[in-house]
Amino acid sequence: MVANWRELEGFLFASGRSYSEDAIARHLRTSTLEVRVLLEELAAHLEGHGVALSWHDGDVSLTTSPDLGTYLADRLPATAGEISAAALEALALIAYRQPTTRAEIDEVRGVRSERTVQTLLELGLIEVVGRSQGVGRAPLYGTSAEFLRRFNLASLADLPELAQAQPEEEAL
């Protein structure tokens, strides 16, 4: 069965998640080559629309167009899935320092982060990527594919560079 870009669009919209081209081909019962062609057709069709195709670590999903992010953030009501300031702070530490332990996060933040890290795990934004070599072999945390999808990043290389701290001017 040969699929069309409308079926691909419906599949991605209804699933609400990312898929590899191979997985899409299996679900739509077509070839990976056909999926690549359909993705190109769909991407062209969606230009200038409120939704777009986004690629994250080789997977593709249907998302809100990136240029609408600020506009929609100011207009949509808050939801239970939003990330608190504390969780966002811990997530940024993990994203830039990964792999890292909870103790390292606690040290930088100056507060215990046990519940915050647990929340990030439950939201699927971080995952355990290994164990430290130190005493107790603490879990090492890193960001997940869901993190990339949620923040519309193709890879960690797309993270903005950290601003360098400016040395304070010496008082005269």
N, C-alpha and C. Protein backbone atom coordinates (compact mmCIF):
# COMPACT_ATOMS: atom_id res chain seq x y z
N MET A 1 0.85 -1.18 0.00
CA MET A 1 0.00 0.00 0.00
C MET A 1 0.89 1.24 0.00
N VAL A 2 0.67 2.14 -0.92
CA VAL A 2 1.42 3.38 -0.98
C VAL A 2 0.64 4.44 -0.22
N ALA A 3 1.31 5.07 0.72
CA ALA A 3 0.68 6.11 1.53
C ALA A 3 0.78 7.45 0.79
N ASN A 4 0.07 8.45 1.29
CA ASN A 4 0.22 9.81 0.77
C ASN A 4 0.55 10.74 1.93
N TRP A 5 0.95 11.98 1.61
CA TRP A 5 1.38 12.88 2.67
C TRP A 5 0.26 13.21 3.64
N ARG A 6 -1.01 13.15 3.21
CA ARG A 6 -2.13 13.41 4.13
C ARG A 6 -2.21 12.32 5.19
N GLU A 7 -2.01 11.07 4.76
CA GLU A 7 -2.02 9.96 5.72
C GLU A 7 -0.85 10.09 6.69
N LEU A 8 0.30 10.50 6.18
CA LEU A 8 1.47 10.72 7.03
C LEU A 8 1.19 11.83 8.04
N GLU A 9 0.62 12.93 7.58
CA GLU A 9 0.27 14.05 8.46
C GLU A 9 -0.70 13.59 9.53
N GLY A 10 -1.73 12.86 9.16
CA GLY A 10 -2.71 12.36 10.12
C GLY A 10 -2.09 11.42 11.13
N PHE A 11 -1.21 10.56 10.65
CA PHE A 11 -0.52 9.62 11.53
C PHE A 11 0.31 10.36 12.58
N LEU A 12 1.12 11.32 12.13
CA LEU A 12 1.97 12.07 13.06
C LEU A 12 1.14 12.90 14.03
N PHE A 13 0.07 13.52 13.54
CA PHE A 13 -0.79 14.33 14.40
C PHE A 13 -1.48 13.46 15.45
N ALA A 14 -2.08 12.37 15.02
CA ALA A 14 -2.83 11.51 15.94
C ALA A 14 -1.93 10.85 16.97
N SER A 15 -0.70 10.50 16.58
CA SER A 15 0.20 9.82 17.52
C SER A 15 0.74 10.78 18.57
N GLY A 16 1.00 12.03 18.18
CA GLY A 16 1.51 13.02 19.12
C GLY A 16 2.93 12.73 19.59
N ARG A 17 3.67 11.94 18.82
CA ARG A 17 5.03 11.63 19.22
C ARG A 17 5.94 11.56 18.01
N SER A 18 7.23 11.35 18.27
CA SER A 18 8.24 11.26 17.21
C SER A 18 8.43 9.83 16.77
N TYR A 19 8.77 9.66 15.49
CA TYR A 19 9.07 8.35 14.94
C TYR A 19 10.25 8.45 13.99
N SER A 20 10.98 7.37 13.86
CA SER A 20 12.02 7.28 12.83
C SER A 20 11.33 7.04 11.49
N GLU A 21 12.05 7.29 10.41
CA GLU A 21 11.49 7.04 9.08
C GLU A 21 11.16 5.55 8.93
N ASP A 22 12.01 4.68 9.48
CA ASP A 22 11.74 3.24 9.40
C ASP A 22 10.45 2.87 10.13
N ALA A 23 10.25 3.45 11.31
CA ALA A 23 9.03 3.14 12.08
C ALA A 23 7.79 3.66 11.35
N ILE A 24 7.89 4.83 10.77
CA ILE A 24 6.75 5.36 10.01
C ILE A 24 6.44 4.42 8.85
N ALA A 25 7.48 3.97 8.15
CA ALA A 25 7.29 3.06 7.02
C ALA A 25 6.56 1.79 7.46
N ARG A 26 6.96 1.24 8.61
CA ARG A 26 6.29 0.03 9.11
C ARG A 26 4.82 0.31 9.41
N HIS A 27 4.55 1.43 10.10
CA HIS A 27 3.17 1.75 10.47
C HIS A 27 2.29 2.04 9.26
N LEU A 28 2.85 2.70 8.27
CA LEU A 28 2.06 3.05 7.08
C LEU A 28 2.15 1.96 6.01
N ARG A 29 2.89 0.91 6.32
CA ARG A 29 3.05 -0.23 5.40
C ARG A 29 3.56 0.22 4.03
N THR A 30 4.67 0.93 4.07
CA THR A 30 5.30 1.41 2.86
C THR A 30 6.82 1.37 3.05
N SER A 31 7.57 1.84 2.10
CA SER A 31 9.03 1.80 2.19
C SER A 31 9.58 3.06 2.86
N THR A 32 10.79 2.95 3.38
CA THR A 32 11.46 4.10 3.98
C THR A 32 11.71 5.17 2.93
N LEU A 33 12.04 4.76 1.72
CA LEU A 33 12.24 5.71 0.63
C LEU A 33 10.96 6.50 0.36
N GLU A 34 9.83 5.80 0.35
CA GLU A 34 8.53 6.47 0.14
C GLU A 34 8.26 7.45 1.28
N VAL A 35 8.60 7.08 2.50
CA VAL A 35 8.40 7.97 3.65
C VAL A 35 9.23 9.23 3.48
N ARG A 36 10.48 9.10 3.04
CA ARG A 36 11.33 10.29 2.82
C ARG A 36 10.68 11.24 1.82
N VAL A 37 10.15 10.69 0.73
CA VAL A 37 9.48 11.50 -0.29
C VAL A 37 8.25 12.17 0.32
N LEU A 38 7.46 11.41 1.09
CA LEU A 38 6.26 11.95 1.71
C LEU A 38 6.59 13.05 2.72
N LEU A 39 7.68 12.86 3.46
CA LEU A 39 8.10 13.89 4.42
C LEU A 39 8.47 15.18 3.70
N GLU A 40 9.16 15.07 2.59
CA GLU A 40 9.50 16.26 1.80
C GLU A 40 8.24 16.95 1.29
N GLU A 41 7.29 16.17 0.79
CA GLU A 41 6.03 16.73 0.29
C GLU A 41 5.25 17.42 1.43
N LEU A 42 5.19 16.75 2.56
CA LEU A 42 4.47 17.30 3.71
C LEU A 42 5.14 18.57 4.21
N ALA A 43 6.47 18.56 4.31
CA ALA A 43 7.20 19.75 4.77
C ALA A 43 6.92 20.93 3.84
N ALA A 44 6.91 20.69 2.54
CA ALA A 44 6.62 21.76 1.58
C ALA A 44 5.19 22.26 1.75
N HIS A 45 4.25 21.35 1.95
CA HIS A 45 2.85 21.72 2.13
C HIS A 45 2.64 22.56 3.40
N LEU A 46 3.40 22.26 4.45
CA LEU A 46 3.22 22.93 5.74
C LEU A 46 3.92 24.28 5.84
N GLU A 47 4.75 24.63 4.86
CA GLU A 47 5.44 25.93 4.91
C GLU A 47 4.43 27.05 5.08
N GLY A 48 4.69 27.92 6.06
CA GLY A 48 3.81 29.05 6.31
C GLY A 48 2.58 28.71 7.14
N HIS A 49 2.45 27.46 7.57
CA HIS A 49 1.30 27.04 8.38
C HIS A 49 1.67 27.10 9.86
N GLY A 50 0.72 26.82 10.71
CA GLY A 50 0.91 26.86 12.16
C GLY A 50 1.59 25.63 12.72
N VAL A 51 1.75 24.60 11.90
CA VAL A 51 2.45 23.40 12.32
C VAL A 51 3.59 23.13 11.35
N ALA A 52 4.55 22.35 11.81
CA ALA A 52 5.71 22.04 10.98
C ALA A 52 6.24 20.67 11.37
N LEU A 53 7.06 20.12 10.51
CA LEU A 53 7.76 18.89 10.84
C LEU A 53 9.03 19.27 11.59
N SER A 54 9.34 18.52 12.64
CA SER A 54 10.55 18.75 13.42
C SER A 54 11.30 17.45 13.53
N TRP A 55 12.62 17.51 13.32
CA TRP A 55 13.48 16.34 13.44
C TRP A 55 14.27 16.45 14.72
N HIS A 56 14.34 15.34 15.49
CA HIS A 56 15.06 15.29 16.76
C HIS A 56 15.76 13.94 16.84
N ASP A 57 17.07 13.96 16.83
CA ASP A 57 17.86 12.72 16.91
C ASP A 57 17.40 11.68 15.89
N GLY A 58 17.12 12.12 14.67
CA GLY A 58 16.74 11.21 13.60
C GLY A 58 15.27 10.87 13.56
N ASP A 59 14.50 11.32 14.54
CA ASP A 59 13.05 11.08 14.55
C ASP A 59 12.33 12.34 14.09
N VAL A 60 11.14 12.17 13.54
CA VAL A 60 10.36 13.30 13.05
C VAL A 60 9.02 13.34 13.77
N SER A 61 8.52 14.54 14.01
CA SER A 61 7.21 14.71 14.64
C SER A 61 6.54 15.94 14.05
N LEU A 62 5.26 16.05 14.28
CA LEU A 62 4.49 17.20 13.86
C LEU A 62 4.36 18.11 15.08
N THR A 63 4.85 19.35 14.97
CA THR A 63 4.87 20.26 16.10
C THR A 63 4.34 21.63 15.70
N THR A 64 4.12 22.47 16.67
CA THR A 64 3.78 23.86 16.40
C THR A 64 4.98 24.51 15.72
N SER A 65 4.72 25.37 14.75
CA SER A 65 5.81 26.08 14.06
C SER A 65 6.63 26.85 15.08
N PRO A 66 7.95 26.71 15.02
CA PRO A 66 8.82 27.36 16.01
C PRO A 66 8.61 28.87 16.12
N ASP A 67 8.28 29.54 15.02
CA ASP A 67 8.11 30.99 15.06
C ASP A 67 6.87 31.42 15.83
N LEU A 68 6.00 30.48 16.20
CA LEU A 68 4.80 30.81 16.96
C LEU A 68 4.96 30.60 18.46
N GLY A 69 6.13 30.13 18.89
CA GLY A 69 6.33 29.79 20.29
C GLY A 69 6.03 30.91 21.26
N THR A 70 6.62 32.07 21.07
CA THR A 70 6.40 33.20 21.98
C THR A 70 4.95 33.67 21.91
N TYR A 71 4.43 33.76 20.71
CA TYR A 71 3.04 34.20 20.51
C TYR A 71 2.08 33.30 21.29
N LEU A 72 2.23 31.99 21.16
CA LEU A 72 1.32 31.06 21.82
C LEU A 72 1.57 30.99 23.32
N ALA A 73 2.81 31.10 23.75
CA ALA A 73 3.11 31.04 25.18
C ALA A 73 2.41 32.16 25.93
N ASP A 74 2.26 33.32 25.29
CA ASP A 74 1.60 34.45 25.92
C ASP A 74 0.08 34.32 25.93
N ARG A 75 -0.47 33.40 25.14
CA ARG A 75 -1.91 33.32 24.97
C ARG A 75 -2.56 32.05 25.50
N LEU A 76 -1.79 30.98 25.60
CA LEU A 76 -2.35 29.72 26.06
C LEU A 76 -2.38 29.69 27.59
N PRO A 77 -3.41 29.09 28.15
CA PRO A 77 -3.46 28.97 29.61
C PRO A 77 -2.39 28.01 30.10
N ALA A 78 -1.97 28.21 31.34
CA ALA A 78 -0.98 27.32 31.95
C ALA A 78 -1.54 25.92 32.04
N THR A 79 -0.69 24.92 31.89
CA THR A 79 -1.14 23.53 31.99
C THR A 79 -0.32 22.81 33.05
N ALA A 80 -0.81 21.66 33.46
CA ALA A 80 -0.12 20.87 34.48
C ALA A 80 1.23 20.39 33.99
N GLY A 81 1.43 20.32 32.67
CA GLY A 81 2.68 19.82 32.12
C GLY A 81 3.79 20.86 32.07
N GLU A 82 3.50 22.09 32.50
CA GLU A 82 4.53 23.11 32.45
C GLU A 82 5.61 22.82 33.48
N ILE A 83 6.79 23.29 33.19
CA ILE A 83 7.94 23.03 34.03
C ILE A 83 8.14 24.21 34.98
N SER A 84 8.30 23.92 36.26
CA SER A 84 8.54 24.98 37.25
C SER A 84 9.91 25.61 37.01
N ALA A 85 10.12 26.77 37.60
CA ALA A 85 11.41 27.45 37.49
C ALA A 85 12.52 26.58 38.06
N ALA A 86 12.25 25.90 39.18
CA ALA A 86 13.25 25.03 39.80
C ALA A 86 13.59 23.86 38.87
N ALA A 87 12.58 23.28 38.27
CA ALA A 87 12.80 22.15 37.36
C ALA A 87 13.55 22.61 36.12
N LEU A 88 13.21 23.79 35.62
CA LEU A 88 13.89 24.32 34.44
C LEU A 88 15.35 24.60 34.75
N GLU A 89 15.63 25.09 35.94
CA GLU A 89 17.01 25.34 36.36
C GLU A 89 17.80 24.03 36.41
N ALA A 90 17.21 23.01 37.02
CA ALA A 90 17.88 21.71 37.11
C ALA A 90 18.04 21.09 35.73
N LEU A 91 17.03 21.24 34.88
CA LEU A 91 17.10 20.71 33.53
C LEU A 91 18.22 21.37 32.73
N ALA A 92 18.38 22.67 32.89
CA ALA A 92 19.47 23.37 32.19
C ALA A 92 20.82 22.86 32.68
N LEU A 93 20.95 22.65 33.98
CA LEU A 93 22.21 22.12 34.52
C LEU A 93 22.51 20.74 33.92
N ILE A 94 21.50 19.91 33.86
CA ILE A 94 21.70 18.57 33.30
C ILE A 94 22.05 18.66 31.82
N ALA A 95 21.34 19.50 31.09
CA ALA A 95 21.58 19.62 29.65
C ALA A 95 23.01 20.05 29.34
N TYR A 96 23.52 21.00 30.09
CA TYR A 96 24.85 21.53 29.81
C TYR A 96 25.98 20.76 30.47
N ARG A 97 25.69 20.00 31.53
CA ARG A 97 26.76 19.31 32.27
C ARG A 97 26.70 17.79 32.10
N GLN A 98 25.77 17.28 31.35
CA GLN A 98 25.57 15.83 31.31
C GLN A 98 26.78 15.07 30.83
N PRO A 99 26.96 13.88 31.39
CA PRO A 99 26.15 13.29 32.46
C PRO A 99 26.54 13.89 33.82
N THR A 100 25.55 14.00 34.69
CA THR A 100 25.78 14.59 36.00
C THR A 100 24.95 13.88 37.05
N THR A 101 25.38 13.99 38.30
CA THR A 101 24.65 13.36 39.41
C THR A 101 23.75 14.38 40.08
N ARG A 102 22.83 13.87 40.88
CA ARG A 102 21.94 14.75 41.63
C ARG A 102 22.75 15.57 42.64
N ALA A 103 23.77 14.98 43.23
CA ALA A 103 24.60 15.71 44.19
C ALA A 103 25.27 16.91 43.52
N GLU A 104 25.73 16.75 42.29
CA GLU A 104 26.34 17.87 41.56
C GLU A 104 25.30 18.95 41.27
N ILE A 105 24.08 18.54 40.96
CA ILE A 105 23.00 19.50 40.73
C ILE A 105 22.70 20.25 42.02
N ASP A 106 22.61 19.51 43.14
CA ASP A 106 22.36 20.12 44.45
C ASP A 106 23.44 21.15 44.79
N GLU A 107 24.68 20.80 44.51
CA GLU A 107 25.80 21.69 44.84
C GLU A 107 25.69 23.02 44.09
N VAL A 108 25.39 22.94 42.81
CA VAL A 108 25.29 24.17 42.01
C VAL A 108 24.07 24.98 42.41
N ARG A 109 22.94 24.32 42.61
CA ARG A 109 21.70 25.03 42.94
C ARG A 109 21.67 25.51 44.39
N GLY A 110 22.40 24.84 45.26
CA GLY A 110 22.41 25.22 46.67
C GLY A 110 21.20 24.72 47.44
N VAL A 111 20.42 23.85 46.84
CA VAL A 111 19.26 23.25 47.49
C VAL A 111 19.16 21.79 47.06
N ARG A 112 18.40 21.01 47.83
CA ARG A 112 18.18 19.61 47.46
C ARG A 112 17.30 19.54 46.22
N SER A 113 17.65 18.67 45.31
CA SER A 113 16.93 18.58 44.03
C SER A 113 16.28 17.22 43.82
N GLU A 114 16.14 16.46 44.87
CA GLU A 114 15.61 15.11 44.74
C GLU A 114 14.23 15.10 44.06
N ARG A 115 13.31 15.90 44.56
CA ARG A 115 11.95 15.92 43.98
C ARG A 115 11.96 16.51 42.57
N THR A 116 12.78 17.52 42.36
CA THR A 116 12.86 18.15 41.04
C THR A 116 13.36 17.16 40.00
N VAL A 117 14.41 16.41 40.34
CA VAL A 117 14.95 15.41 39.42
C VAL A 117 13.90 14.33 39.17
N GLN A 118 13.19 13.91 40.21
CA GLN A 118 12.14 12.90 40.05
C GLN A 118 11.05 13.40 39.09
N THR A 119 10.67 14.66 39.21
CA THR A 119 9.67 15.24 38.31
C THR A 119 10.16 15.22 36.87
N LEU A 120 11.42 15.60 36.66
CA LEU A 120 11.99 15.60 35.30
C LEU A 120 12.03 14.19 34.73
N LEU A 121 12.31 13.20 35.58
CA LEU A 121 12.27 11.81 35.14
C LEU A 121 10.85 11.41 34.75
N GLU A 122 9.86 11.78 35.57
CA GLU A 122 8.47 11.45 35.29
C GLU A 122 7.97 12.10 34.01
N LEU A 123 8.44 13.31 33.74
CA LEU A 123 8.05 14.01 32.51
C LEU A 123 8.79 13.46 31.29
N GLY A 124 9.78 12.61 31.53
CA GLY A 124 10.53 12.02 30.43
C GLY A 124 11.54 12.95 29.81
N LEU A 125 11.87 14.05 30.50
CA LEU A 125 12.82 15.02 29.97
C LEU A 125 14.27 14.64 30.23
N ILE A 126 14.48 13.81 31.26
CA ILE A 126 15.82 13.30 31.55
C ILE A 126 15.72 11.80 31.74
N GLU A 127 16.89 11.16 31.72
CA GLU A 127 16.94 9.72 31.95
C GLU A 127 18.28 9.36 32.58
N VAL A 128 18.31 8.20 33.21
CA VAL A 128 19.56 7.71 33.78
C VAL A 128 20.39 7.18 32.61
N VAL A 129 21.60 7.73 32.48
CA VAL A 129 22.46 7.35 31.35
C VAL A 129 23.68 6.54 31.78
N GLY A 130 23.77 6.26 33.09
CA GLY A 130 24.89 5.48 33.60
C GLY A 130 24.98 5.62 35.11
N ARG A 131 26.10 5.17 35.63
CA ARG A 131 26.37 5.24 37.08
C ARG A 131 27.75 5.83 37.28
N SER A 132 27.90 6.65 38.32
CA SER A 132 29.20 7.23 38.63
C SER A 132 30.14 6.14 39.14
N GLN A 133 31.42 6.42 39.07
CA GLN A 133 32.41 5.45 39.55
C GLN A 133 32.68 5.60 41.04
N GLY A 134 32.13 6.65 41.66
CA GLY A 134 32.39 6.92 43.07
C GLY A 134 31.63 6.00 44.00
N VAL A 135 31.80 6.25 45.28
CA VAL A 135 31.12 5.48 46.31
C VAL A 135 29.61 5.58 46.10
N GLY A 136 28.93 4.47 46.17
CA GLY A 136 27.48 4.45 46.02
C GLY A 136 27.01 4.37 44.58
N ARG A 137 27.93 4.60 43.62
CA ARG A 137 27.59 4.52 42.19
C ARG A 137 26.29 5.25 41.89
N ALA A 138 26.27 6.54 42.17
CA ALA A 138 25.09 7.38 41.98
C ALA A 138 24.67 7.41 40.51
N PRO A 139 23.37 7.51 40.26
CA PRO A 139 22.91 7.59 38.87
C PRO A 139 23.44 8.86 38.19
N LEU A 140 23.80 8.72 36.93
CA LEU A 140 24.19 9.86 36.10
C LEU A 140 23.00 10.20 35.22
N TYR A 141 22.64 11.48 35.20
CA TYR A 141 21.48 11.92 34.44
C TYR A 141 21.90 12.65 33.17
N GLY A 142 21.11 12.45 32.14
CA GLY A 142 21.28 13.16 30.88
C GLY A 142 19.91 13.46 30.31
N THR A 143 19.87 14.30 29.31
CA THR A 143 18.59 14.65 28.69
C THR A 143 18.13 13.51 27.78
N SER A 144 16.84 13.51 27.47
CA SER A 144 16.24 12.45 26.66
C SER A 144 15.81 12.98 25.29
N ALA A 145 15.34 12.08 24.46
CA ALA A 145 14.79 12.47 23.15
C ALA A 145 13.56 13.37 23.36
N GLU A 146 12.80 13.15 24.42
CA GLU A 146 11.64 14.00 24.72
C GLU A 146 12.09 15.43 25.02
N PHE A 147 13.22 15.59 25.68
CA PHE A 147 13.79 16.92 25.92
C PHE A 147 14.04 17.62 24.59
N LEU A 148 14.69 16.92 23.67
CA LEU A 148 14.97 17.51 22.36
C LEU A 148 13.67 17.88 21.65
N ARG A 149 12.69 16.98 21.70
CA ARG A 149 11.41 17.25 21.03
C ARG A 149 10.70 18.45 21.65
N ARG A 150 10.64 18.46 22.96
CA ARG A 150 9.89 19.52 23.65
C ARG A 150 10.50 20.90 23.45
N PHE A 151 11.84 20.95 23.33
CA PHE A 151 12.51 22.24 23.14
C PHE A 151 12.92 22.48 21.69
N ASN A 152 12.38 21.64 20.81
CA ASN A 152 12.57 21.78 19.36
C ASN A 152 14.05 21.87 18.98
N LEU A 153 14.82 20.91 19.48
CA LEU A 153 16.24 20.82 19.18
C LEU A 153 16.49 19.56 18.36
N ALA A 154 17.25 19.66 17.30
CA ALA A 154 17.59 18.48 16.51
C ALA A 154 18.61 17.62 17.27
N SER A 155 19.51 18.26 18.01
CA SER A 155 20.51 17.55 18.81
C SER A 155 21.00 18.49 19.90
N LEU A 156 21.81 17.98 20.81
CA LEU A 156 22.35 18.82 21.88
C LEU A 156 23.26 19.91 21.35
N ALA A 157 23.79 19.72 20.17
CA ALA A 157 24.63 20.75 19.55
C ALA A 157 23.84 22.03 19.28
N ASP A 158 22.51 21.92 19.25
CA ASP A 158 21.66 23.09 19.00
C ASP A 158 21.36 23.90 20.25
N LEU A 159 21.84 23.44 21.41
CA LEU A 159 21.65 24.22 22.63
C LEU A 159 22.36 25.56 22.47
N PRO A 160 21.75 26.64 22.93
CA PRO A 160 22.44 27.93 22.84
C PRO A 160 23.71 27.90 23.69
N GLU A 161 24.70 28.67 23.25
CA GLU A 161 25.93 28.74 24.03
C GLU A 161 25.65 29.48 25.33
N LEU A 162 26.32 29.05 26.37
CA LEU A 162 26.18 29.72 27.66
C LEU A 162 26.89 31.06 27.61
N ALA A 163 26.25 32.06 28.16
CA ALA A 163 26.88 33.38 28.24
C ALA A 163 28.03 33.28 29.24
N GLN A 164 29.14 33.85 28.89
CA GLN A 164 30.29 33.84 29.79
C GLN A 164 30.09 34.91 30.86
N ALA A 165 30.41 34.56 32.09
CA ALA A 165 30.30 35.51 33.19
C ALA A 165 31.28 36.65 32.95
N GLN A 166 30.80 37.86 33.11
CA GLN A 166 31.65 39.03 32.94
C GLN A 166 32.32 39.37 34.25
N PRO A 167 33.64 39.57 34.25
CA PRO A 167 34.30 39.93 35.51
C PRO A 167 33.78 41.27 36.00
N GLU A 168 33.58 41.35 37.31
CA GLU A 168 33.07 42.60 37.85
C GLU A 168 34.16 43.68 37.75
N GLU A 169 33.72 44.87 37.44
CA GLU A 169 34.67 46.00 37.33
C GLU A 169 35.20 46.30 38.73
N GLU A 170 36.49 46.49 38.80
CA GLU A 170 37.09 46.83 40.10
C GLU A 170 36.74 48.26 40.46
N ALA A 171 36.39 48.44 41.72
CA ALA A 171 36.08 49.79 42.19
C ALA A 171 37.36 50.62 42.23
N LEU A 172 37.28 51.85 41.83
CA LEU A 172 38.45 52.72 41.82
C LEU A 172 38.69 53.33 43.16
